[in-house]
Each structure stands twice: as C-alpha cells, then as structure tokens.
Amino acid sequence: MSSTDALRSRLRGLLALGATVMLLLQALPAEAATTGVGNDVSWPQCGKALPTGQAFGIVGVNNGLANNTNPCLVTELVWAAKSSDTTGQPRAALYVNTANPGTAGSWWPSSNTYAGTTVPNPYGTCGNSAGAACSYIYGWAKAYDDANTRGISSPSTYTWWLDVETGNSWSTDTAANRADLEGMAAYFASIKAVTGIYSTTSQWTQIVGTVPSGSRLYQLNSWLAGARTLTGAKHNCSSAPLTGGGHVTLTQYVSGSFDYDYSCS
C-alpha cells in the first residue's frame, strides 16, 4: 500500500470513529455530559430505579405532607451519599414538606411549649388560635420532628430546604404562613443547620407574600423550580431570589421521569 493509500485509509478510519462517537453522544441524555447537575428524589421514587451519575442528591424527608415520613428515606440517603460531589453543593441534602393547616390540622399547638422546650416566640404567646403566634410554634414543631423523629442521623450536618408549594394546606393569612416558615428556620438555626427555600415565584408570592428585611427568611437562599430544560434552569439562575436578601443557588428542571437540579454557584 502506498503512503497516500495508507493516509486515506487512516482518515476513513478516523471519520468512522468520529461518526460512532457522535451517535453515542446523541443517544445519551444531555444531563449525562453536563457538570454541575444533581437530582432530587423522595417518596414517588420508592421502589424505582434512582438516577445515576448525579453530582449531588437532595432527598425528601416526608411522604408528601409535613407530618409524615418518606418510607424510602434511608435508602435514598445512601444513594445521595454516593454522589460525585463535583460542585459547591453538598453531596447530600434534604428537603421537607411545609404547611400551615391552622386549627383544622390533625395537631395544632396551644402553647409555646413543644417536646419539653419553651420556644422563644417573636409573635407572643400561642393560645390555640390560627394566627402568627401559633403558626410559628407549628413550624418550629414540624422542623423539630423532621430532625429528630424521621431517622436522620446528625441532622445539623445537612442543608435543609423548605419545600413551599400550593399543593399543601395553607392559611389565607400570608403573615401567619410566613411565621410558620420562620419557626421552621428558627429550629434548624438552633441546631446550626443551613436552611434554604424551594418554590416558584408565583407559589411563594401566593403563600408568603413579600418578606420584610427583619424576617428570619430574608437572607435564606433560593432553589427555584419551574424550568423544563437545562437551558431554562441555567437561565433561572439569574432570576430574582424568593427573598430580597438571599441568592438563587439551585434551579430545578424536569427531564423524563427525573427531577434535575443545576448548581448556580
């Protein structure tokens, strides 16, 4: 074979190899070749195959409501701990369902005491009403339960995201709902855990309204939902945070049967 024929043969081989690589890349989901992408899972993924290759994992603590437990929590925490940890996000984090059912709930506080602790309450004394004072204690109590009764080891070592969605029960009083979430954030702060907020701007506005600068929620970072593509999730990193003093550090998008999360930082 002449040197020219050998060169042509080598070029044909390289072109064939390149075509094969392109076909393989086209067959892979976009997420597989993207750095900075993690996944969140919870009770809907129980008994199903979990994502693989995630940069970080966020696990739901509850079974859809603020007062119950995800039956697959332990298994999913093991999955999250195997994340590749290629971003500034923690390898494993948690999110909790939130709600403010008022006196219609299966349990509602009637004092400032819960689990043997008299809770410092910026809204005064809870007296079994549906206002801000009892809402604050309800939120504190749900956060206490999430950290202490769901089977979480070393709860202070996790980031806890407050999942705020209209699908759960809320008061029509946005100030009471804000107090509820402040109570949750106050408990997590008391154990020195990091806290953030997950929602969409529209749901957050409907449930909580505008958060004043003096609120404990004001400087919490945001995890924004609502995108349908990775491009949309990246774009949402430049959106306004849910509270004026925080930053958008995570955005979520849905692809296939999984929730994906993009790290903005």
Protein backbone atom coordinates (compact mmCIF):
# COMPACT_ATOMS: atom_id res chain seq x y z
CA MET A 1 0.00 0.00 0.00
CA SER A 2 1.36 3.41 -0.95
CA SER A 3 1.80 6.13 1.67
CA THR A 4 -1.10 8.01 0.05
CA ASP A 5 -3.38 4.97 0.25
CA ALA A 6 -2.37 4.41 3.88
CA LEU A 7 -3.18 8.01 4.75
CA ARG A 8 -6.57 7.75 3.05
CA SER A 9 -7.31 4.53 4.92
CA ARG A 10 -6.37 6.12 8.24
CA LEU A 11 -8.56 9.14 7.53
CA ARG A 12 -11.51 6.87 6.68
CA GLY A 13 -10.99 5.05 9.99
CA LEU A 14 -10.91 8.31 11.93
CA LEU A 15 -14.06 9.54 10.22
CA ALA A 16 -15.85 6.27 11.02
CA LEU A 17 -14.75 6.50 14.65
CA GLY A 18 -15.93 10.11 14.85
CA ALA A 19 -19.32 9.15 13.43
CA THR A 20 -19.66 6.38 16.02
CA VAL A 21 -18.80 8.76 18.87
CA MET A 22 -21.35 11.28 17.62
CA LEU A 23 -24.06 8.62 17.53
CA LEU A 24 -23.23 7.57 21.09
CA LEU A 25 -23.34 11.17 22.33
CA GLN A 26 -26.70 11.71 20.63
CA ALA A 27 -28.08 8.65 22.39
CA LEU A 28 -27.09 9.97 25.81
CA PRO A 29 -29.36 12.39 27.71
CA ALA A 30 -27.92 15.90 27.85
CA GLU A 31 -27.58 15.64 31.62
CA ALA A 32 -25.08 12.79 31.36
CA ALA A 33 -22.41 15.02 29.83
CA THR A 34 -23.17 18.07 31.98
CA THR A 35 -21.26 19.03 35.09
CA GLY A 36 -23.00 20.75 37.97
CA VAL A 37 -26.22 18.72 37.68
CA GLY A 38 -27.76 16.75 40.55
CA ASN A 39 -31.11 15.12 41.26
CA ASP A 40 -33.79 15.29 43.93
CA VAL A 41 -35.82 12.23 44.93
CA SER A 42 -38.45 11.36 47.51
CA TRP A 43 -41.40 9.05 48.12
CA PRO A 44 -42.55 8.98 44.43
CA GLN A 45 -39.28 7.18 43.62
CA CYS A 46 -39.80 4.44 46.20
CA GLY A 47 -39.21 1.03 44.60
CA LYS A 48 -37.98 2.59 41.35
CA ALA A 49 -34.54 2.90 39.80
CA LEU A 50 -32.83 6.07 41.03
CA PRO A 51 -30.74 8.38 38.84
CA THR A 52 -27.06 7.59 38.40
CA GLY A 53 -24.02 9.80 37.99
CA GLN A 54 -25.54 12.71 39.89
CA ALA A 55 -23.21 15.45 41.12
CA PHE A 56 -25.31 15.81 44.28
CA GLY A 57 -28.54 14.40 45.68
CA ILE A 58 -31.39 16.08 47.58
CA VAL A 59 -33.72 13.74 49.44
CA GLY A 60 -37.28 14.43 50.58
CA VAL A 61 -37.78 13.72 54.28
CA ASN A 62 -41.57 13.50 54.19
CA ASN A 63 -44.18 11.38 52.46
CA GLY A 64 -45.92 14.30 50.75
CA LEU A 65 -47.18 16.01 53.93
CA ALA A 66 -45.45 17.99 56.65
CA ASN A 67 -46.37 15.47 59.36
CA ASN A 68 -45.21 12.12 57.94
CA THR A 69 -42.05 10.29 56.83
CA ASN A 70 -40.75 9.22 53.44
CA PRO A 71 -40.67 5.38 53.70
CA CYS A 72 -37.58 5.25 51.46
CA LEU A 73 -35.65 7.96 53.29
CA VAL A 74 -32.77 5.75 54.46
CA THR A 75 -32.29 4.08 51.07
CA GLU A 76 -32.36 7.41 49.26
CA LEU A 77 -29.87 8.98 51.66
CA VAL A 78 -27.48 6.12 50.88
CA TRP A 79 -27.98 6.92 47.18
CA ALA A 80 -27.29 10.63 47.75
CA ALA A 81 -24.11 9.89 49.69
CA LYS A 82 -22.70 8.25 46.54
CA SER A 83 -22.94 11.48 44.53
CA SER A 84 -19.79 12.57 42.71
CA ASP A 85 -19.56 15.88 44.60
CA THR A 86 -18.28 17.93 41.64
CA THR A 87 -19.98 21.23 42.58
CA GLY A 88 -20.11 23.56 45.53
CA GLN A 89 -23.32 21.84 46.64
CA PRO A 90 -23.19 19.31 49.48
CA ARG A 91 -23.03 15.71 48.33
CA ALA A 92 -26.33 15.02 50.14
CA ALA A 93 -29.00 17.48 51.29
CA LEU A 94 -32.60 17.26 52.49
CA TYR A 95 -35.91 18.91 51.73
CA VAL A 96 -39.04 18.95 53.88
CA ASN A 97 -42.69 19.48 53.04
CA THR A 98 -44.18 22.54 54.70
CA ALA A 99 -47.74 23.58 55.51
CA ASN A 100 -49.87 25.74 57.78
CA PRO A 101 -53.20 23.92 58.30
CA GLY A 102 -54.32 26.01 61.27
CA THR A 103 -56.77 24.56 63.75
CA ALA A 104 -58.08 22.20 61.03
CA GLY A 105 -54.87 20.18 61.22
CA SER A 106 -54.56 16.82 62.97
CA TRP A 107 -52.43 18.63 65.56
CA TRP A 108 -52.21 22.33 66.38
CA PRO A 109 -50.26 23.97 69.23
CA SER A 110 -51.97 25.60 72.20
CA SER A 111 -48.88 26.99 73.94
CA ASN A 112 -45.28 27.95 73.29
CA THR A 113 -44.02 24.60 74.60
CA TYR A 114 -43.13 21.64 72.42
CA ALA A 115 -41.08 18.50 73.16
CA GLY A 116 -40.29 19.81 76.63
CA THR A 117 -38.92 23.11 75.29
CA THR A 118 -40.43 26.54 75.79
CA VAL A 119 -39.86 28.08 72.39
CA PRO A 120 -38.86 31.78 72.21
CA ASN A 121 -41.68 33.23 70.13
CA PRO A 122 -41.31 36.63 68.43
CA TYR A 123 -45.09 36.72 67.91
CA GLY A 124 -46.03 36.34 71.57
CA THR A 125 -47.97 33.57 73.26
CA CYS A 126 -49.72 30.83 71.31
CA GLY A 127 -53.26 30.33 72.60
CA ASN A 128 -54.71 27.79 70.17
CA SER A 129 -55.55 30.46 67.58
CA ALA A 130 -54.68 30.30 63.89
CA GLY A 131 -52.61 33.49 63.94
CA ALA A 132 -48.88 34.11 63.68
CA ALA A 133 -48.00 33.09 67.26
CA CYS A 134 -49.31 29.53 66.96
CA SER A 135 -48.21 29.25 63.31
CA TYR A 136 -44.65 29.96 64.43
CA ILE A 137 -44.81 27.15 67.03
CA TYR A 138 -46.34 24.77 64.47
CA GLY A 139 -43.46 25.39 62.07
CA TRP A 140 -40.88 25.00 64.85
CA ALA A 141 -42.51 21.72 65.90
CA LYS A 142 -42.56 20.29 62.36
CA ALA A 143 -38.87 21.12 61.92
CA TYR A 144 -38.12 19.51 65.30
CA ASP A 145 -39.96 16.36 64.21
CA ASP A 146 -38.14 16.28 60.86
CA ALA A 147 -34.77 16.50 62.55
CA ASN A 148 -35.48 14.17 65.47
CA THR A 149 -38.18 11.63 64.60
CA ARG A 150 -37.66 10.73 60.92
CA GLY A 151 -34.47 8.72 61.34
CA ILE A 152 -31.95 11.41 60.31
CA SER A 153 -28.50 10.92 61.84
CA SER A 154 -26.55 14.10 62.60
CA PRO A 155 -29.28 16.48 61.34
CA SER A 156 -27.10 19.55 61.92
CA THR A 157 -24.69 18.42 59.18
CA TYR A 158 -27.28 18.73 56.39
CA THR A 159 -28.68 21.62 54.39
CA TRP A 160 -32.47 21.64 54.88
CA TRP A 161 -34.61 23.07 52.07
CA LEU A 162 -38.16 24.20 52.95
CA ASP A 163 -40.44 23.00 50.14
CA VAL A 164 -43.19 25.63 49.81
CA GLU A 165 -45.96 24.67 47.38
CA THR A 166 -49.65 25.44 47.00
CA GLY A 167 -50.43 21.71 46.93
CA ASN A 168 -50.16 21.62 50.73
CA SER A 169 -52.52 23.23 53.25
CA TRP A 170 -52.01 26.95 53.88
CA SER A 171 -53.74 29.80 55.65
CA THR A 172 -55.13 32.69 53.64
CA ASP A 173 -53.14 34.87 56.06
CA THR A 174 -49.72 35.28 54.43
CA ALA A 175 -48.28 36.74 57.64
CA ALA A 176 -49.23 33.55 59.51
CA ASN A 177 -47.68 31.41 56.76
CA ARG A 178 -44.51 33.47 56.96
CA ALA A 179 -44.43 32.98 60.74
CA ASP A 180 -44.82 29.23 60.22
CA LEU A 181 -41.77 29.08 57.94
CA GLU A 182 -39.83 31.38 60.26
CA GLY A 183 -40.48 28.89 63.05
CA MET A 184 -39.05 26.08 60.93
CA ALA A 185 -36.00 28.14 60.02
CA ALA A 186 -35.54 29.08 63.68
CA TYR A 187 -35.42 25.44 64.77
CA PHE A 188 -32.87 24.49 62.09
CA ALA A 189 -30.80 27.53 63.05
CA SER A 190 -30.90 26.37 66.67
CA ILE A 191 -29.08 23.16 65.68
CA LYS A 192 -26.73 25.17 63.43
CA ALA A 193 -28.04 23.63 60.21
CA VAL A 194 -28.12 25.53 56.91
CA THR A 195 -31.63 26.30 55.60
CA GLY A 196 -32.91 27.37 52.17
CA ILE A 197 -36.24 27.81 50.38
CA TYR A 198 -37.61 25.78 47.44
CA SER A 199 -40.54 27.19 45.47
CA THR A 200 -41.58 29.10 42.38
CA THR A 201 -42.00 32.86 42.48
CA SER A 202 -45.76 32.60 41.89
CA GLN A 203 -46.36 30.00 44.61
CA TRP A 204 -44.13 31.81 47.08
CA THR A 205 -45.93 35.11 46.47
CA GLN A 206 -49.33 33.48 46.91
CA ILE A 207 -48.41 31.70 50.14
CA VAL A 208 -45.99 34.09 51.84
CA GLY A 209 -46.14 37.43 50.07
CA THR A 210 -43.27 39.89 50.42
CA VAL A 211 -40.76 39.02 53.13
CA PRO A 212 -39.59 42.03 55.17
CA SER A 213 -35.89 42.53 55.86
CA GLY A 214 -36.37 41.78 59.57
CA SER A 215 -37.68 38.27 58.88
CA ARG A 216 -35.52 35.21 59.54
CA LEU A 217 -36.39 34.14 55.98
CA TYR A 218 -34.99 37.25 54.35
CA GLN A 219 -31.41 36.07 53.83
CA LEU A 220 -32.16 32.42 53.02
CA ASN A 221 -31.00 31.21 49.61
CA SER A 222 -33.43 30.06 46.92
CA TRP A 223 -33.85 26.83 44.97
CA LEU A 224 -36.12 27.80 42.06
CA ALA A 225 -38.42 25.29 40.40
CA GLY A 226 -40.32 25.62 37.13
CA ALA A 227 -37.84 25.05 34.27
CA ARG A 228 -38.41 22.29 31.70
CA THR A 229 -34.90 22.15 30.24
CA LEU A 230 -31.32 22.54 31.39
CA THR A 231 -31.10 25.75 29.39
CA GLY A 232 -34.13 27.09 31.23
CA ALA A 233 -32.66 26.07 34.58
CA LYS A 234 -29.41 27.88 33.78
CA HIS A 235 -31.40 30.97 32.78
CA ASN A 236 -33.28 30.87 36.09
CA CYS A 237 -30.00 31.29 37.96
CA SER A 238 -30.24 34.98 37.03
CA SER A 239 -33.86 35.28 38.28
CA ALA A 240 -34.74 37.22 41.41
CA PRO A 241 -34.45 35.15 44.61
CA LEU A 242 -37.56 34.39 46.64
CA THR A 243 -36.41 36.77 49.37
CA GLY A 244 -34.60 40.06 48.94
CA GLY A 245 -31.56 39.15 50.97
CA GLY A 246 -30.89 35.71 49.52
CA HIS A 247 -29.36 34.32 46.32
CA VAL A 248 -30.50 31.75 43.77
CA THR A 249 -28.07 28.87 44.30
CA LEU A 250 -30.06 26.00 42.77
CA THR A 251 -32.59 25.66 39.96
CA GLN A 252 -34.69 22.63 39.05
CA TYR A 253 -35.87 21.22 35.75
CA VAL A 254 -37.73 18.07 34.76
CA SER A 255 -36.43 15.65 32.14
CA GLY A 256 -38.08 12.30 31.53
CA SER A 257 -39.08 10.76 34.84
CA PHE A 258 -36.50 12.60 36.96
CA ASP A 259 -36.08 15.98 38.60
CA TYR A 260 -32.69 17.51 37.81
CA ASP A 261 -31.05 20.35 39.73
CA TYR A 262 -28.49 22.79 38.40
CA SER A 263 -25.95 24.36 40.72
CA CYS A 264 -25.75 28.10 40.02
CA SER A 265 -22.75 28.71 42.25
